[in-house]
Amino acid sequence: MTNTKKFNSKDWQDIKLIFSELIELPDDQIESRMEELCEEKVHLKSMVEDMVEVHFVSTGRTITPKVSAAGTLVSQMQFDSGDLFGKYQITGKIGSGGMGQVYLAQRNDEVTQ
């Protein structure tokens, strides 16, 4: 299933902060803390859940056995031309494989590279 939600750079920053906190917690505290952290950011919760699950599967820990790590990453990280990812604007998809996708992007701020 493809994630059709669009996240802006602030959303990605929030997701990163929430994820970083959650993976440091004991397993039995993750769900309740995730509820607290996503209470006002409900639209981010499914992405955070998927990222935590992928992290735990990749490190040999699991919180739910419902999907594979690769499947979750591939299904969640789909971008379209024009989408923003941090300071970059996606201009197109270059290719994909078993471990993910490769996109062409260019900076969308005052820096020229």
Foldseek 3Di string as FASTA:
>chain_A
DADPDADDQVLVVLLVVLLVVLLVDDLVCNVVSLCVSCVVPVVNSVVSVLVNQLVQVVVVHHNDPDDHNQVSQARYPDDDQQGDHNQWGFHAWDAADSRYTHTDIAGNDPDHD
